[in-house]
Amino acid sequence: MGAHKGKVQYQGLKEIDGTDLQVVVYHPSKNTGFEITLYFDPQTLRHVRTVYLQDKATGIATSPFIDTVAPLSRRNPERLNGPDARSARRGPPWWKIEEQFGNFKTMDGMTLPEHYNLRFQQQSPSGSTNTIEWDVIATRVLNNISVDARNFQIQ
């Protein structure tokens, strides 16, 4: 972390979706707008959830011509609907990835989640929000099986 100048903050026990979880937030570096929040079960210390958030404002235009407190003499009506004005009215783009791990099972000395859920949300510069969600449930877990090396050859 020293080389990356990241910062870790323990935020204590918080109720998330009706469950008490230990919360740790990691900020990779100053002013990136990126943070990773990790959630742990307080009894088992299993990692049960992660939220990755990129929420950095991007060069939103500032202009005295679109500032409503600017004196009327300084406002240019032609610029009120120009690209600077439209940009200033939009929210900054952001994205968020939430992953959740559940239904932990122990097999051959390893405890792994059988349920994995990933949700990706993104707000575009136009202000629309898109969400994609994957929900994976393992029905069979195999451990220490032989793997054919040909599966890893580029064809």
N, C-alpha and C. Protein backbone atom coordinates (compact mmCIF):
# COMPACT_ATOMS: atom_id res chain seq x y z
N MET A 1 0.82 -1.20 0.00
CA MET A 1 0.00 0.00 0.00
C MET A 1 0.86 1.26 0.00
N GLY A 2 2.02 1.20 0.61
CA GLY A 2 2.87 2.37 0.69
C GLY A 2 3.23 2.91 -0.68
N ALA A 3 3.59 2.03 -1.61
CA ALA A 3 3.97 2.47 -2.95
C ALA A 3 2.78 3.02 -3.71
N HIS A 4 1.60 2.50 -3.43
CA HIS A 4 0.39 2.95 -4.14
C HIS A 4 -0.31 4.09 -3.42
N LYS A 5 0.14 4.42 -2.23
CA LYS A 5 -0.44 5.49 -1.42
C LYS A 5 -1.93 5.27 -1.17
N GLY A 6 -2.31 4.01 -1.00
CA GLY A 6 -3.69 3.67 -0.70
C GLY A 6 -4.01 3.90 0.76
N LYS A 7 -5.29 3.88 1.06
CA LYS A 7 -5.73 4.13 2.43
C LYS A 7 -6.83 3.12 2.77
N VAL A 8 -6.70 2.47 3.93
CA VAL A 8 -7.69 1.51 4.40
C VAL A 8 -8.38 2.09 5.63
N GLN A 9 -9.70 2.01 5.64
CA GLN A 9 -10.47 2.50 6.78
C GLN A 9 -11.39 1.38 7.27
N TYR A 10 -11.30 1.07 8.55
CA TYR A 10 -12.23 0.12 9.15
C TYR A 10 -13.44 0.93 9.60
N GLN A 11 -14.62 0.56 9.12
CA GLN A 11 -15.82 1.32 9.44
C GLN A 11 -16.71 0.63 10.46
N GLY A 12 -16.25 -0.49 11.00
CA GLY A 12 -17.00 -1.15 12.07
C GLY A 12 -18.10 -2.05 11.57
N LEU A 13 -18.98 -2.37 12.49
CA LEU A 13 -20.11 -3.25 12.22
C LEU A 13 -21.27 -2.42 11.67
N LYS A 14 -21.80 -2.82 10.49
CA LYS A 14 -22.92 -2.11 9.88
C LYS A 14 -23.97 -3.12 9.44
N GLU A 15 -25.21 -2.70 9.51
CA GLU A 15 -26.30 -3.56 9.04
C GLU A 15 -26.49 -3.34 7.54
N ILE A 16 -26.31 -4.41 6.78
CA ILE A 16 -26.46 -4.39 5.33
C ILE A 16 -27.50 -5.43 4.96
N ASP A 17 -28.60 -5.00 4.35
CA ASP A 17 -29.67 -5.91 3.95
C ASP A 17 -30.12 -6.80 5.11
N GLY A 18 -30.22 -6.23 6.31
CA GLY A 18 -30.71 -6.95 7.47
C GLY A 18 -29.68 -7.83 8.17
N THR A 19 -28.42 -7.78 7.73
CA THR A 19 -27.36 -8.59 8.33
C THR A 19 -26.23 -7.69 8.81
N ASP A 20 -25.73 -7.94 10.03
CA ASP A 20 -24.59 -7.19 10.54
C ASP A 20 -23.31 -7.71 9.90
N LEU A 21 -22.53 -6.80 9.32
CA LEU A 21 -21.28 -7.16 8.67
C LEU A 21 -20.17 -6.21 9.08
N GLN A 22 -18.93 -6.71 9.13
CA GLN A 22 -17.76 -5.88 9.34
C GLN A 22 -17.44 -5.21 8.01
N VAL A 23 -17.13 -3.90 8.05
CA VAL A 23 -16.93 -3.14 6.82
C VAL A 23 -15.53 -2.52 6.80
N VAL A 24 -14.83 -2.73 5.68
CA VAL A 24 -13.51 -2.15 5.45
C VAL A 24 -13.54 -1.46 4.08
N VAL A 25 -13.07 -0.21 4.02
CA VAL A 25 -13.04 0.54 2.76
C VAL A 25 -11.59 0.79 2.37
N TYR A 26 -11.30 0.55 1.10
CA TYR A 26 -9.96 0.80 0.57
C TYR A 26 -10.05 1.85 -0.52
N HIS A 27 -9.27 2.92 -0.39
CA HIS A 27 -9.14 3.97 -1.41
C HIS A 27 -7.74 3.81 -2.01
N PRO A 28 -7.62 3.38 -3.28
CA PRO A 28 -6.30 3.12 -3.87
C PRO A 28 -5.35 4.32 -3.84
N SER A 29 -5.81 5.50 -4.12
CA SER A 29 -4.96 6.68 -4.06
C SER A 29 -5.83 7.92 -3.99
N LYS A 30 -5.20 9.04 -3.77
CA LYS A 30 -5.95 10.29 -3.60
C LYS A 30 -6.62 10.71 -4.90
N ASN A 31 -7.82 11.25 -4.77
CA ASN A 31 -8.55 11.90 -5.85
C ASN A 31 -8.78 11.06 -7.10
N THR A 32 -8.86 9.74 -6.96
CA THR A 32 -9.18 8.92 -8.13
C THR A 32 -10.67 8.71 -8.27
N GLY A 33 -11.41 8.92 -7.19
CA GLY A 33 -12.84 8.67 -7.22
C GLY A 33 -13.18 7.19 -7.17
N PHE A 34 -12.20 6.34 -6.91
CA PHE A 34 -12.41 4.89 -6.89
C PHE A 34 -12.28 4.39 -5.46
N GLU A 35 -13.19 3.50 -5.07
CA GLU A 35 -13.08 2.88 -3.76
C GLU A 35 -13.60 1.46 -3.81
N ILE A 36 -13.06 0.64 -2.91
CA ILE A 36 -13.47 -0.76 -2.80
C ILE A 36 -13.93 -0.96 -1.37
N THR A 37 -15.16 -1.44 -1.19
CA THR A 37 -15.68 -1.72 0.14
C THR A 37 -15.83 -3.22 0.28
N LEU A 38 -15.22 -3.75 1.33
CA LEU A 38 -15.24 -5.19 1.60
C LEU A 38 -16.09 -5.46 2.83
N TYR A 39 -16.90 -6.50 2.77
CA TYR A 39 -17.81 -6.86 3.86
C TYR A 39 -17.48 -8.28 4.32
N PHE A 40 -17.42 -8.45 5.64
CA PHE A 40 -17.07 -9.73 6.22
C PHE A 40 -18.09 -10.15 7.27
N ASP A 41 -18.38 -11.45 7.32
CA ASP A 41 -19.24 -12.00 8.35
C ASP A 41 -18.51 -11.87 9.69
N PRO A 42 -19.11 -11.23 10.70
CA PRO A 42 -18.39 -11.02 11.96
C PRO A 42 -18.12 -12.31 12.74
N GLN A 43 -18.89 -13.37 12.52
CA GLN A 43 -18.67 -14.63 13.24
C GLN A 43 -17.57 -15.47 12.61
N THR A 44 -17.61 -15.60 11.28
CA THR A 44 -16.67 -16.49 10.58
C THR A 44 -15.53 -15.74 9.90
N LEU A 45 -15.67 -14.42 9.76
CA LEU A 45 -14.74 -13.55 9.02
C LEU A 45 -14.65 -13.90 7.54
N ARG A 46 -15.67 -14.60 7.03
CA ARG A 46 -15.72 -14.88 5.59
C ARG A 46 -16.03 -13.60 4.83
N HIS A 47 -15.39 -13.47 3.68
CA HIS A 47 -15.64 -12.35 2.78
C HIS A 47 -16.96 -12.66 2.06
N VAL A 48 -18.00 -11.84 2.31
CA VAL A 48 -19.32 -12.15 1.78
C VAL A 48 -19.82 -11.15 0.73
N ARG A 49 -19.11 -10.02 0.61
CA ARG A 49 -19.59 -9.00 -0.32
C ARG A 49 -18.47 -8.03 -0.63
N THR A 50 -18.44 -7.50 -1.86
CA THR A 50 -17.52 -6.44 -2.26
C THR A 50 -18.28 -5.46 -3.13
N VAL A 51 -18.01 -4.17 -2.94
CA VAL A 51 -18.58 -3.13 -3.80
C VAL A 51 -17.41 -2.30 -4.34
N TYR A 52 -17.31 -2.25 -5.67
CA TYR A 52 -16.31 -1.43 -6.35
C TYR A 52 -17.06 -0.21 -6.90
N LEU A 53 -16.60 0.98 -6.60
CA LEU A 53 -17.31 2.19 -7.03
C LEU A 53 -16.33 3.16 -7.66
N GLN A 54 -16.64 3.58 -8.88
CA GLN A 54 -15.90 4.64 -9.55
C GLN A 54 -16.86 5.80 -9.70
N ASP A 55 -16.60 6.85 -8.97
CA ASP A 55 -17.54 7.97 -8.93
C ASP A 55 -16.77 9.28 -8.99
N LYS A 56 -16.02 9.46 -10.06
CA LYS A 56 -15.22 10.68 -10.19
C LYS A 56 -15.88 11.61 -11.19
N ALA A 57 -16.07 12.84 -10.76
CA ALA A 57 -16.63 13.85 -11.66
C ALA A 57 -15.62 14.10 -12.78
N THR A 58 -16.14 14.25 -13.97
CA THR A 58 -15.27 14.55 -15.10
C THR A 58 -15.55 15.95 -15.56
N GLY A 59 -14.53 16.68 -15.90
CA GLY A 59 -14.57 18.03 -16.43
C GLY A 59 -15.92 18.62 -16.76
N ILE A 60 -16.77 18.80 -15.79
CA ILE A 60 -18.06 19.43 -16.05
C ILE A 60 -17.82 20.90 -16.33
N ALA A 61 -18.44 21.38 -17.37
CA ALA A 61 -18.20 22.76 -17.80
C ALA A 61 -18.67 23.75 -16.75
N THR A 62 -17.90 24.78 -16.60
CA THR A 62 -18.31 25.91 -15.76
C THR A 62 -18.15 27.15 -16.61
N SER A 63 -19.14 27.96 -16.63
CA SER A 63 -19.12 29.15 -17.46
C SER A 63 -20.01 30.20 -16.84
N PRO A 64 -19.59 31.46 -16.82
CA PRO A 64 -20.48 32.49 -16.29
C PRO A 64 -21.74 32.63 -17.10
N PHE A 65 -21.73 32.15 -18.36
CA PHE A 65 -22.91 32.28 -19.19
C PHE A 65 -23.99 31.26 -18.85
N ILE A 66 -23.62 30.17 -18.18
CA ILE A 66 -24.65 29.21 -17.78
C ILE A 66 -24.89 29.27 -16.28
N ASP A 67 -24.18 30.12 -15.59
CA ASP A 67 -24.36 30.29 -14.15
C ASP A 67 -25.58 31.19 -13.93
N THR A 68 -26.56 30.67 -13.23
CA THR A 68 -27.80 31.43 -13.06
C THR A 68 -27.62 32.66 -12.19
N VAL A 69 -26.51 32.74 -11.44
CA VAL A 69 -26.30 33.94 -10.63
C VAL A 69 -25.51 35.00 -11.39
N ALA A 70 -25.09 34.69 -12.61
CA ALA A 70 -24.38 35.70 -13.40
C ALA A 70 -25.33 36.83 -13.74
N PRO A 71 -24.84 38.04 -13.74
CA PRO A 71 -25.70 39.17 -14.10
C PRO A 71 -26.23 39.00 -15.52
N LEU A 72 -27.43 39.47 -15.75
CA LEU A 72 -28.05 39.33 -17.07
C LEU A 72 -27.16 39.88 -18.16
N SER A 73 -26.42 40.94 -17.88
CA SER A 73 -25.55 41.55 -18.89
C SER A 73 -24.44 40.60 -19.34
N ARG A 74 -24.09 39.61 -18.52
CA ARG A 74 -23.01 38.67 -18.87
C ARG A 74 -23.54 37.36 -19.45
N ARG A 75 -24.84 37.16 -19.50
CA ARG A 75 -25.40 35.92 -20.03
C ARG A 75 -25.54 36.02 -21.55
N ASN A 76 -25.20 34.96 -22.21
CA ASN A 76 -25.32 34.90 -23.66
C ASN A 76 -26.38 33.86 -23.98
N PRO A 77 -27.56 34.27 -24.42
CA PRO A 77 -28.65 33.33 -24.66
C PRO A 77 -28.29 32.22 -25.65
N GLU A 78 -27.39 32.50 -26.60
CA GLU A 78 -27.02 31.48 -27.58
C GLU A 78 -26.26 30.33 -26.92
N ARG A 79 -25.62 30.57 -25.77
CA ARG A 79 -24.82 29.53 -25.12
C ARG A 79 -25.62 28.73 -24.11
N LEU A 80 -26.86 29.15 -23.81
CA LEU A 80 -27.65 28.45 -22.81
C LEU A 80 -27.96 27.01 -23.20
N ASN A 81 -28.01 26.72 -24.49
CA ASN A 81 -28.25 25.35 -24.94
C ASN A 81 -27.08 24.78 -25.71
N GLY A 82 -25.92 25.36 -25.54
CA GLY A 82 -24.72 24.87 -26.20
C GLY A 82 -24.16 23.65 -25.46
N PRO A 83 -23.05 23.11 -25.96
CA PRO A 83 -22.47 21.91 -25.35
C PRO A 83 -22.04 22.12 -23.91
N ASP A 84 -21.54 23.30 -23.56
CA ASP A 84 -21.14 23.55 -22.18
C ASP A 84 -22.34 23.48 -21.24
N ALA A 85 -23.44 24.08 -21.65
CA ALA A 85 -24.64 24.08 -20.81
C ALA A 85 -25.21 22.68 -20.67
N ARG A 86 -25.24 21.91 -21.77
CA ARG A 86 -25.76 20.55 -21.70
C ARG A 86 -24.87 19.69 -20.80
N SER A 87 -23.55 19.87 -20.90
CA SER A 87 -22.63 19.11 -20.07
C SER A 87 -22.83 19.43 -18.60
N ALA A 88 -23.05 20.68 -18.28
CA ALA A 88 -23.21 21.09 -16.88
C ALA A 88 -24.50 20.54 -16.29
N ARG A 89 -25.52 20.32 -17.11
CA ARG A 89 -26.78 19.79 -16.59
C ARG A 89 -26.75 18.29 -16.35
N ARG A 90 -25.83 17.58 -16.99
CA ARG A 90 -25.72 16.14 -16.81
C ARG A 90 -24.98 15.81 -15.54
N GLY A 91 -25.30 14.64 -14.98
CA GLY A 91 -24.52 14.16 -13.85
C GLY A 91 -23.25 13.52 -14.37
N PRO A 92 -22.22 13.44 -13.54
CA PRO A 92 -21.00 12.80 -13.98
C PRO A 92 -21.21 11.30 -14.15
N PRO A 93 -20.54 10.67 -15.11
CA PRO A 93 -20.68 9.22 -15.27
C PRO A 93 -20.06 8.49 -14.09
N TRP A 94 -20.59 7.33 -13.77
CA TRP A 94 -20.07 6.50 -12.69
C TRP A 94 -20.38 5.05 -13.02
N TRP A 95 -19.70 4.15 -12.32
CA TRP A 95 -20.03 2.73 -12.42
C TRP A 95 -19.83 2.09 -11.06
N LYS A 96 -20.55 0.98 -10.86
CA LYS A 96 -20.47 0.24 -9.61
C LYS A 96 -20.62 -1.24 -9.90
N ILE A 97 -19.76 -2.04 -9.25
CA ILE A 97 -19.84 -3.49 -9.33
C ILE A 97 -20.06 -4.00 -7.91
N GLU A 98 -21.11 -4.78 -7.74
CA GLU A 98 -21.39 -5.40 -6.44
C GLU A 98 -21.32 -6.91 -6.64
N GLU A 99 -20.53 -7.56 -5.78
CA GLU A 99 -20.50 -9.02 -5.82
C GLU A 99 -20.82 -9.55 -4.43
N GLN A 100 -21.60 -10.64 -4.42
CA GLN A 100 -21.99 -11.25 -3.15
C GLN A 100 -21.70 -12.75 -3.21
N PHE A 101 -21.22 -13.26 -2.09
CA PHE A 101 -20.88 -14.67 -1.97
C PHE A 101 -21.76 -15.27 -0.88
N GLY A 102 -22.33 -16.44 -1.12
CA GLY A 102 -23.21 -17.03 -0.12
C GLY A 102 -23.26 -18.54 -0.19
N ASN A 103 -24.00 -19.12 0.75
CA ASN A 103 -24.20 -20.56 0.86
C ASN A 103 -22.85 -21.30 0.87
N PHE A 104 -22.03 -20.96 1.85
CA PHE A 104 -20.69 -21.54 1.95
C PHE A 104 -20.74 -23.02 2.33
N LYS A 105 -19.94 -23.82 1.66
CA LYS A 105 -19.83 -25.26 1.91
C LYS A 105 -18.35 -25.61 2.04
N THR A 106 -18.06 -26.55 2.94
CA THR A 106 -16.69 -27.02 3.12
C THR A 106 -16.53 -28.36 2.42
N MET A 107 -15.48 -28.44 1.59
CA MET A 107 -15.17 -29.66 0.86
C MET A 107 -13.66 -29.81 0.81
N ASP A 108 -13.16 -30.96 1.19
CA ASP A 108 -11.73 -31.24 1.18
C ASP A 108 -10.93 -30.16 1.92
N GLY A 109 -11.48 -29.66 3.02
CA GLY A 109 -10.78 -28.67 3.83
C GLY A 109 -10.87 -27.24 3.32
N MET A 110 -11.56 -27.01 2.21
CA MET A 110 -11.74 -25.66 1.67
C MET A 110 -13.19 -25.24 1.82
N THR A 111 -13.40 -24.01 2.28
CA THR A 111 -14.76 -23.48 2.38
C THR A 111 -14.95 -22.48 1.25
N LEU A 112 -15.91 -22.77 0.38
CA LEU A 112 -16.16 -21.94 -0.80
C LEU A 112 -17.65 -21.61 -0.89
N PRO A 113 -17.96 -20.47 -1.52
CA PRO A 113 -19.37 -20.15 -1.71
C PRO A 113 -19.96 -20.94 -2.88
N GLU A 114 -21.16 -21.42 -2.69
CA GLU A 114 -21.87 -22.08 -3.80
C GLU A 114 -22.69 -21.07 -4.60
N HIS A 115 -22.94 -19.91 -4.02
CA HIS A 115 -23.74 -18.89 -4.69
C HIS A 115 -22.90 -17.64 -4.88
N TYR A 116 -22.91 -17.12 -6.11
CA TYR A 116 -22.18 -15.91 -6.46
C TYR A 116 -23.09 -15.03 -7.29
N ASN A 117 -23.21 -13.78 -6.89
CA ASN A 117 -24.04 -12.82 -7.61
C ASN A 117 -23.19 -11.60 -7.93
N LEU A 118 -23.24 -11.16 -9.17
CA LEU A 118 -22.51 -9.97 -9.59
C LEU A 118 -23.47 -9.03 -10.30
N ARG A 119 -23.46 -7.78 -9.87
CA ARG A 119 -24.32 -6.76 -10.49
C ARG A 119 -23.43 -5.60 -10.93
N PHE A 120 -23.53 -5.24 -12.20
CA PHE A 120 -22.78 -4.12 -12.76
C PHE A 120 -23.77 -3.03 -13.11
N GLN A 121 -23.53 -1.83 -12.60
CA GLN A 121 -24.37 -0.67 -12.92
C GLN A 121 -23.48 0.42 -13.46
N GLN A 122 -23.97 1.12 -14.49
CA GLN A 122 -23.20 2.20 -15.08
C GLN A 122 -24.13 3.33 -15.48
N GLN A 123 -23.73 4.54 -15.12
CA GLN A 123 -24.46 5.71 -15.60
C GLN A 123 -23.63 6.33 -16.70
N SER A 124 -24.24 6.50 -17.85
CA SER A 124 -23.54 7.06 -19.00
C SER A 124 -23.52 8.58 -18.90
N PRO A 125 -22.71 9.24 -19.71
CA PRO A 125 -22.68 10.70 -19.69
C PRO A 125 -24.04 11.32 -20.00
N SER A 126 -24.91 10.60 -20.70
CA SER A 126 -26.23 11.15 -21.01
C SER A 126 -27.17 11.09 -19.82
N GLY A 127 -26.76 10.36 -18.76
CA GLY A 127 -27.59 10.27 -17.55
C GLY A 127 -28.37 8.98 -17.43
N SER A 128 -28.38 8.14 -18.46
CA SER A 128 -29.12 6.88 -18.37
C SER A 128 -28.30 5.87 -17.57
N THR A 129 -28.99 4.97 -16.85
CA THR A 129 -28.32 3.96 -16.04
C THR A 129 -28.61 2.59 -16.61
N ASN A 130 -27.56 1.80 -16.80
CA ASN A 130 -27.68 0.43 -17.29
C ASN A 130 -27.27 -0.52 -16.18
N THR A 131 -27.98 -1.64 -16.05
CA THR A 131 -27.66 -2.66 -15.05
C THR A 131 -27.60 -4.01 -15.72
N ILE A 132 -26.54 -4.75 -15.41
CA ILE A 132 -26.38 -6.14 -15.87
C ILE A 132 -26.14 -6.97 -14.63
N GLU A 133 -26.81 -8.12 -14.54
CA GLU A 133 -26.66 -8.96 -13.35
C GLU A 133 -26.43 -10.41 -13.75
N TRP A 134 -25.48 -11.05 -13.06
CA TRP A 134 -25.20 -12.47 -13.22
C TRP A 134 -25.46 -13.14 -11.88
N ASP A 135 -26.11 -14.27 -11.91
CA ASP A 135 -26.37 -15.02 -10.69
C ASP A 135 -25.93 -16.46 -10.96
N VAL A 136 -24.93 -16.91 -10.22
CA VAL A 136 -24.34 -18.23 -10.45
C VAL A 136 -24.53 -19.10 -9.22
N ILE A 137 -25.04 -20.30 -9.42
CA ILE A 137 -25.18 -21.26 -8.34
C ILE A 137 -24.44 -22.53 -8.77
N ALA A 138 -23.45 -22.91 -7.97
CA ALA A 138 -22.68 -24.11 -8.27
C ALA A 138 -23.52 -25.33 -7.91
N THR A 139 -23.63 -26.25 -8.85
CA THR A 139 -24.37 -27.48 -8.59
C THR A 139 -23.42 -28.66 -8.34
N ARG A 140 -22.16 -28.46 -8.72
CA ARG A 140 -21.18 -29.50 -8.52
C ARG A 140 -19.80 -28.86 -8.41
N VAL A 141 -19.05 -29.27 -7.41
CA VAL A 141 -17.69 -28.76 -7.22
C VAL A 141 -16.74 -29.93 -7.25
N LEU A 142 -15.71 -29.83 -8.07
CA LEU A 142 -14.72 -30.89 -8.19
C LEU A 142 -13.38 -30.35 -7.70
N ASN A 143 -12.64 -31.16 -6.99
CA ASN A 143 -11.36 -30.75 -6.44
C ASN A 143 -10.32 -31.80 -6.78
N ASN A 144 -9.10 -31.36 -7.05
CA ASN A 144 -7.97 -32.25 -7.35
C ASN A 144 -8.26 -33.19 -8.51
N ILE A 145 -8.82 -32.65 -9.58
CA ILE A 145 -9.04 -33.48 -10.77
C ILE A 145 -7.90 -33.24 -11.75
N SER A 146 -7.66 -34.20 -12.61
CA SER A 146 -6.60 -34.02 -13.60
C SER A 146 -7.16 -33.14 -14.73
N VAL A 147 -6.28 -32.30 -15.25
CA VAL A 147 -6.65 -31.38 -16.31
C VAL A 147 -5.76 -31.66 -17.51
N ASP A 148 -6.37 -31.78 -18.65
CA ASP A 148 -5.63 -32.04 -19.88
C ASP A 148 -4.93 -30.75 -20.31
N ALA A 149 -3.63 -30.77 -20.49
CA ALA A 149 -2.85 -29.59 -20.88
C ALA A 149 -3.29 -29.02 -22.22
N ARG A 150 -3.90 -29.85 -23.07
CA ARG A 150 -4.37 -29.36 -24.38
C ARG A 150 -5.47 -28.30 -24.23
N ASN A 151 -6.15 -28.27 -23.08
CA ASN A 151 -7.20 -27.26 -22.85
C ASN A 151 -6.62 -25.85 -22.78
N PHE A 152 -5.30 -25.74 -22.57
CA PHE A 152 -4.68 -24.44 -22.42
C PHE A 152 -3.82 -24.04 -23.61
N GLN A 153 -3.91 -24.78 -24.69
CA GLN A 153 -3.15 -24.46 -25.90
C GLN A 153 -3.97 -23.52 -26.77
N ILE A 154 -3.27 -22.52 -27.30
CA ILE A 154 -3.92 -21.57 -28.22
C ILE A 154 -4.00 -22.21 -29.58
N GLN A 155 -5.19 -22.16 -30.15
CA GLN A 155 -5.38 -22.80 -31.46
C GLN A 155 -5.63 -21.76 -32.52
